[in-house]
Amino acid sequence: MPKIWKLIERGKDMQNNEVIQRIKYIKDTFGVAFSDLDHEALDLGIKAIEKQTPLRWIDTKSYLNCPKCNSFYDMVVPEKYCSNCGQRLISD
């Protein structure tokens, strides 16, 4: 099995916050060797992982708020993703 596949298999068990920490560590440690485009790509990866990490709706008794962008929604059918910012959301 090629080395890259072994790394991918090992990475499947990592939690989102571990992946973000590792990307930030790589940026801080080896960032000088990266181009601006590389830094942008890593930042974009962090943002994408953060949006996929589910957050709980904020229940205000009359409607639900997205914890990231504060958009509000009807309580009847909570969405799985905020239609404004794309944050993954979960309800109780």
C-alpha atoms as a PDB file:
ATOM      1  CA  MET A   1       0.000   0.000   0.000  1.00  0.00           C
ATOM      2  CA  PRO A   2       1.438   3.432  -0.953  1.00  0.00           C
ATOM      3  CA  LYS A   3       2.443   5.663   1.964  1.00  0.00           C
ATOM      4  CA  ILE A   4      -0.204   8.289   1.136  1.00  0.00           C
ATOM      5  CA  TRP A   5      -3.003   5.724   1.547  1.00  0.00           C
ATOM      6  CA  LYS A   6      -1.644   4.726   4.951  1.00  0.00           C
ATOM      7  CA  LEU A   7      -1.746   8.389   6.005  1.00  0.00           C
ATOM      8  CA  ILE A   8      -5.307   8.755   4.722  1.00  0.00           C
ATOM      9  CA  GLU A   9      -6.410   5.614   6.588  1.00  0.00           C
ATOM     10  CA  ARG A  10      -4.807   6.868   9.800  1.00  0.00           C
ATOM     11  CA  GLY A  11      -6.411  10.301   9.359  1.00  0.00           C
ATOM     12  CA  LYS A  12      -9.948   8.864   9.195  1.00  0.00           C
ATOM     13  CA  ASP A  13      -9.985   8.543  12.984  1.00  0.00           C
ATOM     14  CA  MET A  14      -9.046  12.183  13.560  1.00  0.00           C
ATOM     15  CA  GLN A  15     -11.708  14.533  14.884  1.00  0.00           C
ATOM     16  CA  ASN A  16     -12.327  17.862  13.133  1.00  0.00           C
ATOM     17  CA  ASN A  17     -10.659  19.862  15.902  1.00  0.00           C
ATOM     18  CA  GLU A  18      -7.539  17.654  15.650  1.00  0.00           C
ATOM     19  CA  VAL A  19      -7.337  18.278  11.914  1.00  0.00           C
ATOM     20  CA  ILE A  20      -7.663  22.041  12.438  1.00  0.00           C
ATOM     21  CA  GLN A  21      -4.960  21.993  15.129  1.00  0.00           C
ATOM     22  CA  ARG A  22      -2.642  20.032  12.851  1.00  0.00           C
ATOM     23  CA  ILE A  23      -3.173  22.425   9.918  1.00  0.00           C
ATOM     24  CA  LYS A  24      -2.489  25.419  12.193  1.00  0.00           C
ATOM     25  CA  TYR A  25       0.653  23.716  13.519  1.00  0.00           C
ATOM     26  CA  ILE A  26       1.881  23.061   9.987  1.00  0.00           C
ATOM     27  CA  LYS A  27       1.210  26.691   9.026  1.00  0.00           C
ATOM     28  CA  ASP A  28       3.042  28.007  12.106  1.00  0.00           C
ATOM     29  CA  THR A  29       5.974  25.614  11.798  1.00  0.00           C
ATOM     30  CA  PHE A  30       6.547  25.515   8.049  1.00  0.00           C
ATOM     31  CA  GLY A  31       4.564  28.550   6.914  1.00  0.00           C
ATOM     32  CA  VAL A  32       7.597  30.483   5.713  1.00  0.00           C
ATOM     33  CA  ALA A  33       8.054  27.932   2.941  1.00  0.00           C
ATOM     34  CA  PHE A  34       4.454  28.348   1.744  1.00  0.00           C
ATOM     35  CA  SER A  35       3.248  30.797  -0.862  1.00  0.00           C
ATOM     36  CA  ASP A  36       0.359  33.186  -0.235  1.00  0.00           C
ATOM     37  CA  LEU A  37      -1.831  30.861  -2.299  1.00  0.00           C
ATOM     38  CA  ASP A  38      -0.842  27.926  -0.056  1.00  0.00           C
ATOM     39  CA  HIS A  39      -1.776  29.947   3.044  1.00  0.00           C
ATOM     40  CA  GLU A  40      -5.132  30.840   1.502  1.00  0.00           C
ATOM     41  CA  ALA A  41      -5.788  27.182   0.670  1.00  0.00           C
ATOM     42  CA  LEU A  42      -4.974  26.084   4.224  1.00  0.00           C
ATOM     43  CA  ASP A  43      -7.195  28.832   5.685  1.00  0.00           C
ATOM     44  CA  LEU A  44     -10.004  27.773   3.359  1.00  0.00           C
ATOM     45  CA  GLY A  45      -9.570  24.174   4.510  1.00  0.00           C
ATOM     46  CA  ILE A  46      -9.855  25.254   8.149  1.00  0.00           C
ATOM     47  CA  LYS A  47     -13.029  27.231   7.412  1.00  0.00           C
ATOM     48  CA  ALA A  48     -14.561  24.275   5.549  1.00  0.00           C
ATOM     49  CA  ILE A  49     -13.811  21.898   8.417  1.00  0.00           C
ATOM     50  CA  GLU A  50     -15.240  24.371  10.943  1.00  0.00           C
ATOM     51  CA  LYS A  51     -18.478  24.611   8.930  1.00  0.00           C
ATOM     52  CA  GLN A  52     -18.766  20.820   8.885  1.00  0.00           C
ATOM     53  CA  THR A  53     -18.380  20.626  12.664  1.00  0.00           C
ATOM     54  CA  PRO A  54     -22.004  20.620  13.856  1.00  0.00           C
ATOM     55  CA  LEU A  55     -23.131  23.340  16.236  1.00  0.00           C
ATOM     56  CA  ARG A  56     -26.395  23.423  18.157  1.00  0.00           C
ATOM     57  CA  TRP A  57     -29.126  25.847  17.217  1.00  0.00           C
ATOM     58  CA  ILE A  58     -29.684  28.667  19.712  1.00  0.00           C
ATOM     59  CA  ASP A  59     -33.267  28.303  20.923  1.00  0.00           C
ATOM     60  CA  THR A  60     -34.832  31.683  21.750  1.00  0.00           C
ATOM     61  CA  LYS A  61     -38.297  30.213  22.528  1.00  0.00           C
ATOM     62  CA  SER A  62     -39.861  31.865  19.461  1.00  0.00           C
ATOM     63  CA  TYR A  63     -37.314  30.933  16.778  1.00  0.00           C
ATOM     64  CA  LEU A  64     -33.936  29.271  16.251  1.00  0.00           C
ATOM     65  CA  ASN A  65     -30.700  31.178  15.670  1.00  0.00           C
ATOM     66  CA  CYS A  66     -27.587  30.024  13.844  1.00  0.00           C
ATOM     67  CA  PRO A  67     -24.710  30.322  16.346  1.00  0.00           C
ATOM     68  CA  LYS A  68     -22.263  31.414  13.618  1.00  0.00           C
ATOM     69  CA  CYS A  69     -24.108  34.191  11.767  1.00  0.00           C
ATOM     70  CA  ASN A  70     -27.139  34.752  14.020  1.00  0.00           C
ATOM     71  CA  SER A  71     -29.668  34.161  11.210  1.00  0.00           C
ATOM     72  CA  PHE A  72     -33.029  33.097  12.592  1.00  0.00           C
ATOM     73  CA  TYR A  73     -35.369  30.347  11.434  1.00  0.00           C
ATOM     74  CA  ASP A  74     -38.857  29.090  12.168  1.00  0.00           C
ATOM     75  CA  MET A  75     -38.856  26.417  14.865  1.00  0.00           C
ATOM     76  CA  VAL A  76     -41.136  24.051  12.953  1.00  0.00           C
ATOM     77  CA  VAL A  77     -38.530  22.371  10.723  1.00  0.00           C
ATOM     78  CA  PRO A  78     -34.931  23.107  11.706  1.00  0.00           C
ATOM     79  CA  GLU A  79     -32.548  22.829   8.759  1.00  0.00           C
ATOM     80  CA  LYS A  80     -29.349  20.766   8.820  1.00  0.00           C
ATOM     81  CA  TYR A  81     -27.328  23.676   7.416  1.00  0.00           C
ATOM     82  CA  CYS A  82     -27.723  27.436   7.800  1.00  0.00           C
ATOM     83  CA  SER A  83     -28.864  28.781   4.438  1.00  0.00           C
ATOM     84  CA  ASN A  84     -27.041  32.051   5.135  1.00  0.00           C
ATOM     85  CA  CYS A  85     -23.516  30.941   6.138  1.00  0.00           C
ATOM     86  CA  GLY A  86     -23.532  27.170   5.445  1.00  0.00           C
ATOM     87  CA  GLN A  87     -22.764  26.124   9.026  1.00  0.00           C
ATOM     88  CA  ARG A  88     -23.784  22.535   9.821  1.00  0.00           C
ATOM     89  CA  LEU A  89     -26.404  22.584  12.580  1.00  0.00           C
ATOM     90  CA  ILE A  90     -27.968  20.023  14.873  1.00  0.00           C
ATOM     91  CA  SER A  91     -30.995  20.165  17.104  1.00  0.00           C
ATOM     92  CA  ASP A  92     -31.580  18.374  20.385  1.00  0.00           C
END
